[in-house]
């Protein structure tokens, strides 16, 4: 499975296997439990993030992990997005500081 990631008009593929997604389910449950408490999304407090917003949060975490060269976290966030949004092909991560502008491309 490949998730195309675009950051500042540069696109690169992240390859994930289905085993990684299934083995990370426990971590996804923890992530969802954290987000169930509400989340600060840029300047907006979101009381109950929906699936798309949760994936925008994960994409923002992915951007930080890419910048810090934390490959395991990059893979985990990509797996979370692919698990939460079945059929997602690509993510265009906003770098302007507004994670609401991060977009997903579905098949």
N, C-alpha and C. Protein backbone atom coordinates (compact mmCIF):
# COMPACT_ATOMS: atom_id res chain seq x y z
N UNK A 1 0.85 -1.16 0.00
CA UNK A 1 0.00 0.00 0.00
C UNK A 1 0.90 1.23 0.00
N UNK A 2 0.53 2.20 -0.83
CA UNK A 2 1.33 3.41 -0.95
C UNK A 2 0.46 4.62 -0.66
N UNK A 3 0.98 5.51 0.18
CA UNK A 3 0.35 6.80 0.44
C UNK A 3 1.27 7.86 -0.12
N UNK A 4 0.77 8.64 -1.06
CA UNK A 4 1.57 9.73 -1.62
C UNK A 4 1.44 10.94 -0.69
N UNK A 5 2.57 11.49 -0.30
CA UNK A 5 2.60 12.62 0.62
C UNK A 5 3.18 13.82 -0.11
N UNK A 6 2.45 14.93 -0.08
CA UNK A 6 2.93 16.16 -0.70
C UNK A 6 3.15 17.20 0.39
N UNK A 7 4.36 17.77 0.37
CA UNK A 7 4.73 18.85 1.29
C UNK A 7 5.41 19.92 0.45
N UNK A 8 4.86 21.12 0.47
CA UNK A 8 5.45 22.23 -0.30
C UNK A 8 5.71 21.85 -1.76
N UNK A 9 4.72 21.26 -2.40
CA UNK A 9 4.76 20.89 -3.81
C UNK A 9 5.75 19.78 -4.14
N UNK A 10 6.33 19.14 -3.13
CA UNK A 10 7.20 17.98 -3.35
C UNK A 10 6.43 16.75 -2.90
N UNK A 11 6.33 15.76 -3.79
CA UNK A 11 5.57 14.55 -3.50
C UNK A 11 6.51 13.36 -3.41
N UNK A 12 6.26 12.53 -2.42
CA UNK A 12 7.02 11.29 -2.29
C UNK A 12 6.09 10.20 -1.79
N UNK A 13 6.36 8.95 -2.20
CA UNK A 13 5.51 7.83 -1.77
C UNK A 13 5.99 7.23 -0.45
N UNK A 14 5.04 6.89 0.40
CA UNK A 14 5.33 6.13 1.61
C UNK A 14 4.73 4.76 1.42
N UNK A 15 5.55 3.74 1.46
CA UNK A 15 5.06 2.38 1.27
C UNK A 15 4.83 1.72 2.63
N UNK A 16 3.63 1.20 2.81
CA UNK A 16 3.26 0.52 4.05
C UNK A 16 2.68 -0.84 3.71
N UNK A 17 2.94 -1.80 4.57
CA UNK A 17 2.29 -3.09 4.36
C UNK A 17 1.10 -3.20 5.30
N UNK A 18 0.16 -4.05 4.93
CA UNK A 18 -1.07 -4.18 5.72
C UNK A 18 -0.77 -4.71 7.12
N UNK A 19 0.32 -5.45 7.28
CA UNK A 19 0.70 -5.96 8.60
C UNK A 19 1.02 -4.81 9.56
N UNK A 20 1.67 -3.78 9.04
CA UNK A 20 1.99 -2.63 9.90
C UNK A 20 0.72 -1.97 10.40
N UNK A 21 -0.25 -1.83 9.51
CA UNK A 21 -1.51 -1.20 9.89
C UNK A 21 -2.23 -2.04 10.95
N UNK A 22 -2.27 -3.35 10.73
CA UNK A 22 -2.98 -4.20 11.70
C UNK A 22 -2.23 -4.30 13.03
N UNK A 23 -0.91 -4.27 13.00
CA UNK A 23 -0.15 -4.38 14.25
C UNK A 23 -0.17 -3.09 15.07
N UNK A 24 -0.55 -1.98 14.44
CA UNK A 24 -0.57 -0.69 15.14
C UNK A 24 -1.94 -0.34 15.71
N UNK A 25 -2.89 -1.26 15.64
CA UNK A 25 -4.26 -0.96 16.09
C UNK A 25 -4.31 -0.48 17.55
N UNK A 26 -3.50 -1.06 18.41
CA UNK A 26 -3.49 -0.64 19.81
C UNK A 26 -3.07 0.83 19.94
N UNK A 27 -2.07 1.23 19.16
CA UNK A 27 -1.63 2.62 19.18
C UNK A 27 -2.72 3.54 18.63
N UNK A 28 -3.43 3.08 17.60
CA UNK A 28 -4.52 3.89 17.04
C UNK A 28 -5.61 4.13 18.08
N UNK A 29 -5.90 3.11 18.88
CA UNK A 29 -6.91 3.25 19.95
C UNK A 29 -6.46 4.33 20.94
N UNK A 30 -5.18 4.33 21.29
CA UNK A 30 -4.65 5.35 22.20
C UNK A 30 -4.73 6.74 21.58
N UNK A 31 -4.38 6.84 20.30
CA UNK A 31 -4.47 8.13 19.62
C UNK A 31 -5.91 8.64 19.62
N UNK A 32 -6.85 7.75 19.30
CA UNK A 32 -8.26 8.14 19.29
C UNK A 32 -8.73 8.56 20.68
N UNK A 33 -8.28 7.85 21.71
CA UNK A 33 -8.68 8.21 23.07
C UNK A 33 -8.18 9.61 23.42
N UNK A 34 -6.95 9.93 23.01
CA UNK A 34 -6.44 11.29 23.24
C UNK A 34 -7.28 12.32 22.50
N UNK A 35 -7.61 12.04 21.26
CA UNK A 35 -8.38 12.99 20.45
C UNK A 35 -9.83 13.09 20.92
N UNK A 36 -10.34 12.04 21.57
CA UNK A 36 -11.70 12.09 22.11
C UNK A 36 -11.85 13.19 23.15
N UNK A 37 -10.76 13.64 23.73
CA UNK A 37 -10.79 14.70 24.74
C UNK A 37 -10.87 16.08 24.11
N UNK A 38 -10.84 16.14 22.78
CA UNK A 38 -10.79 17.41 22.05
C UNK A 38 -9.36 17.69 21.64
N UNK A 39 -9.19 18.60 20.68
CA UNK A 39 -7.85 18.86 20.16
C UNK A 39 -7.75 20.29 19.66
N UNK A 40 -6.61 20.91 19.93
CA UNK A 40 -6.31 22.24 19.40
C UNK A 40 -5.81 22.06 17.97
N UNK A 41 -6.63 22.46 17.01
CA UNK A 41 -6.25 22.36 15.60
C UNK A 41 -5.92 23.76 15.11
N UNK A 42 -4.64 24.06 15.09
CA UNK A 42 -4.16 25.40 14.78
C UNK A 42 -4.78 26.37 15.78
N UNK A 43 -5.58 27.32 15.33
CA UNK A 43 -6.17 28.31 16.25
C UNK A 43 -7.53 27.91 16.80
N UNK A 44 -8.03 26.77 16.37
CA UNK A 44 -9.39 26.36 16.72
C UNK A 44 -9.37 25.15 17.66
N UNK A 45 -10.15 25.23 18.74
CA UNK A 45 -10.33 24.07 19.60
C UNK A 45 -11.47 23.25 19.03
N UNK A 46 -11.22 21.98 18.76
CA UNK A 46 -12.24 21.08 18.22
C UNK A 46 -12.62 20.11 19.33
N UNK A 47 -13.86 20.21 19.78
CA UNK A 47 -14.34 19.41 20.91
C UNK A 47 -14.35 17.92 20.60
N UNK A 48 -14.82 17.56 19.40
CA UNK A 48 -14.94 16.15 19.01
C UNK A 48 -14.50 16.01 17.56
N UNK A 49 -13.19 15.84 17.32
CA UNK A 49 -12.72 15.72 15.94
C UNK A 49 -13.35 14.54 15.21
N UNK A 50 -13.79 14.79 13.95
CA UNK A 50 -14.31 13.70 13.13
C UNK A 50 -13.12 12.96 12.49
N UNK A 51 -13.42 11.94 11.70
CA UNK A 51 -12.34 11.13 11.13
C UNK A 51 -11.40 11.96 10.25
N UNK A 52 -11.95 12.85 9.43
CA UNK A 52 -11.10 13.67 8.57
C UNK A 52 -10.21 14.58 9.41
N UNK A 53 -10.77 15.18 10.46
CA UNK A 53 -9.97 16.04 11.33
C UNK A 53 -8.90 15.24 12.07
N UNK A 54 -9.24 14.04 12.49
CA UNK A 54 -8.25 13.19 13.15
C UNK A 54 -7.08 12.90 12.20
N UNK A 55 -7.40 12.71 10.94
CA UNK A 55 -6.35 12.46 9.96
C UNK A 55 -5.54 13.73 9.67
N UNK A 56 -6.18 14.89 9.74
CA UNK A 56 -5.43 16.15 9.61
C UNK A 56 -4.46 16.30 10.78
N UNK A 57 -4.90 15.92 11.96
CA UNK A 57 -4.02 15.95 13.14
C UNK A 57 -2.84 15.00 12.93
N UNK A 58 -3.13 13.78 12.47
CA UNK A 58 -2.07 12.80 12.21
C UNK A 58 -1.11 13.29 11.13
N UNK A 59 -1.65 13.95 10.11
CA UNK A 59 -0.79 14.48 9.04
C UNK A 59 0.12 15.58 9.59
N UNK A 60 -0.39 16.40 10.50
CA UNK A 60 0.43 17.43 11.12
C UNK A 60 1.55 16.79 11.95
N UNK A 61 1.22 15.72 12.66
CA UNK A 61 2.24 14.98 13.42
C UNK A 61 3.25 14.35 12.46
N UNK A 62 2.77 13.89 11.31
CA UNK A 62 3.66 13.31 10.30
C UNK A 62 4.64 14.36 9.80
N UNK A 63 4.15 15.57 9.54
CA UNK A 63 5.02 16.65 9.07
C UNK A 63 6.14 16.91 10.08
N UNK A 64 5.78 17.00 11.35
CA UNK A 64 6.78 17.21 12.39
C UNK A 64 7.78 16.06 12.42
N UNK A 65 7.29 14.83 12.31
CA UNK A 65 8.17 13.66 12.32
C UNK A 65 9.11 13.66 11.12
N UNK A 66 8.62 14.08 9.96
CA UNK A 66 9.47 14.17 8.77
C UNK A 66 10.58 15.19 9.01
N UNK A 67 10.20 16.34 9.56
CA UNK A 67 11.19 17.40 9.82
C UNK A 67 12.23 16.95 10.84
N UNK A 68 11.82 16.10 11.78
CA UNK A 68 12.73 15.62 12.83
C UNK A 68 13.37 14.27 12.48
N UNK A 69 13.07 13.78 11.26
CA UNK A 69 13.62 12.52 10.75
C UNK A 69 13.29 11.34 11.67
N UNK A 70 12.06 11.30 12.16
CA UNK A 70 11.59 10.19 12.99
C UNK A 70 10.77 9.25 12.12
N UNK A 71 11.47 8.35 11.45
CA UNK A 71 10.85 7.48 10.45
C UNK A 71 9.74 6.60 11.02
N UNK A 72 9.91 6.10 12.22
CA UNK A 72 8.88 5.23 12.81
C UNK A 72 7.58 6.00 13.01
N UNK A 73 7.68 7.24 13.47
CA UNK A 73 6.48 8.06 13.67
C UNK A 73 5.84 8.42 12.33
N UNK A 74 6.66 8.69 11.33
CA UNK A 74 6.12 8.96 9.99
C UNK A 74 5.28 7.77 9.53
N UNK A 75 5.83 6.58 9.65
CA UNK A 75 5.12 5.37 9.24
C UNK A 75 3.85 5.15 10.03
N UNK A 76 3.91 5.39 11.33
CA UNK A 76 2.74 5.21 12.19
C UNK A 76 1.62 6.18 11.81
N UNK A 77 1.97 7.44 11.56
CA UNK A 77 0.94 8.42 11.19
C UNK A 77 0.35 8.10 9.82
N UNK A 78 1.18 7.64 8.90
CA UNK A 78 0.67 7.23 7.58
C UNK A 78 -0.27 6.04 7.74
N UNK A 79 0.11 5.09 8.58
CA UNK A 79 -0.74 3.92 8.81
C UNK A 79 -2.07 4.33 9.44
N UNK A 80 -2.03 5.27 10.38
CA UNK A 80 -3.26 5.76 11.02
C UNK A 80 -4.20 6.36 9.97
N UNK A 81 -3.64 7.18 9.10
CA UNK A 81 -4.44 7.83 8.05
C UNK A 81 -5.05 6.78 7.13
N UNK A 82 -4.25 5.80 6.72
CA UNK A 82 -4.76 4.77 5.81
C UNK A 82 -5.81 3.89 6.49
N UNK A 83 -5.68 3.69 7.79
CA UNK A 83 -6.65 2.91 8.54
C UNK A 83 -7.95 3.69 8.73
N UNK A 84 -7.85 4.97 9.00
CA UNK A 84 -9.01 5.80 9.32
C UNK A 84 -9.78 6.21 8.06
N UNK A 85 -9.06 6.37 6.95
CA UNK A 85 -9.68 6.79 5.68
C UNK A 85 -9.42 5.72 4.62
N UNK A 86 -10.16 4.61 4.66
CA UNK A 86 -9.95 3.58 3.63
C UNK A 86 -10.12 4.17 2.23
N UNK A 87 -9.21 3.83 1.35
CA UNK A 87 -9.27 4.35 -0.01
C UNK A 87 -8.47 5.62 -0.22
N UNK A 88 -7.84 6.13 0.84
CA UNK A 88 -7.03 7.34 0.68
C UNK A 88 -5.83 7.00 -0.20
N UNK A 89 -5.56 7.88 -1.14
CA UNK A 89 -4.43 7.69 -2.06
C UNK A 89 -3.28 8.64 -1.74
N UNK A 90 -3.64 9.85 -1.28
CA UNK A 90 -2.62 10.88 -1.09
C UNK A 90 -3.06 11.88 -0.04
N UNK A 91 -2.06 12.54 0.53
CA UNK A 91 -2.30 13.62 1.48
C UNK A 91 -1.41 14.79 1.08
N UNK A 92 -2.01 15.98 1.04
CA UNK A 92 -1.28 17.22 0.77
C UNK A 92 -1.25 17.97 2.09
N UNK A 93 -0.10 17.94 2.76
CA UNK A 93 0.01 18.50 4.11
C UNK A 93 0.29 19.99 4.03
N UNK A 94 -0.59 20.76 4.68
CA UNK A 94 -0.42 22.21 4.72
C UNK A 94 0.75 22.57 5.62
N UNK A 95 1.57 23.52 5.16
CA UNK A 95 2.71 23.96 5.95
C UNK A 95 2.59 25.42 6.37
N UNK A 96 1.41 26.02 6.15
CA UNK A 96 1.22 27.44 6.48
C UNK A 96 0.86 27.65 7.94
N UNK A 97 0.63 26.56 8.67
CA UNK A 97 0.26 26.68 10.07
C UNK A 97 -1.21 26.43 10.34
N UNK A 98 -1.97 26.09 9.30
CA UNK A 98 -3.40 25.80 9.48
C UNK A 98 -3.67 24.37 9.04
N UNK A 99 -3.69 23.45 10.00
CA UNK A 99 -3.86 22.04 9.65
C UNK A 99 -5.21 21.75 9.02
N UNK A 100 -6.18 22.67 9.17
CA UNK A 100 -7.48 22.50 8.51
C UNK A 100 -7.35 22.49 6.99
N UNK A 101 -6.25 23.03 6.48
CA UNK A 101 -6.04 23.11 5.03
C UNK A 101 -5.38 21.86 4.45
N UNK A 102 -5.00 20.92 5.30
CA UNK A 102 -4.46 19.64 4.82
C UNK A 102 -5.57 18.89 4.10
N UNK A 103 -5.26 18.37 2.91
CA UNK A 103 -6.28 17.72 2.08
C UNK A 103 -5.90 16.27 1.81
N UNK A 104 -6.95 15.46 1.64
CA UNK A 104 -6.78 14.04 1.32
C UNK A 104 -7.40 13.76 -0.03
N UNK A 105 -6.74 12.90 -0.80
CA UNK A 105 -7.24 12.49 -2.11
C UNK A 105 -7.63 11.03 -2.00
N UNK A 106 -8.89 10.77 -2.31
CA UNK A 106 -9.44 9.42 -2.21
C UNK A 106 -9.51 8.80 -3.60
N UNK A 107 -9.58 7.45 -3.64
CA UNK A 107 -9.71 6.80 -4.95
C UNK A 107 -11.14 6.80 -5.40
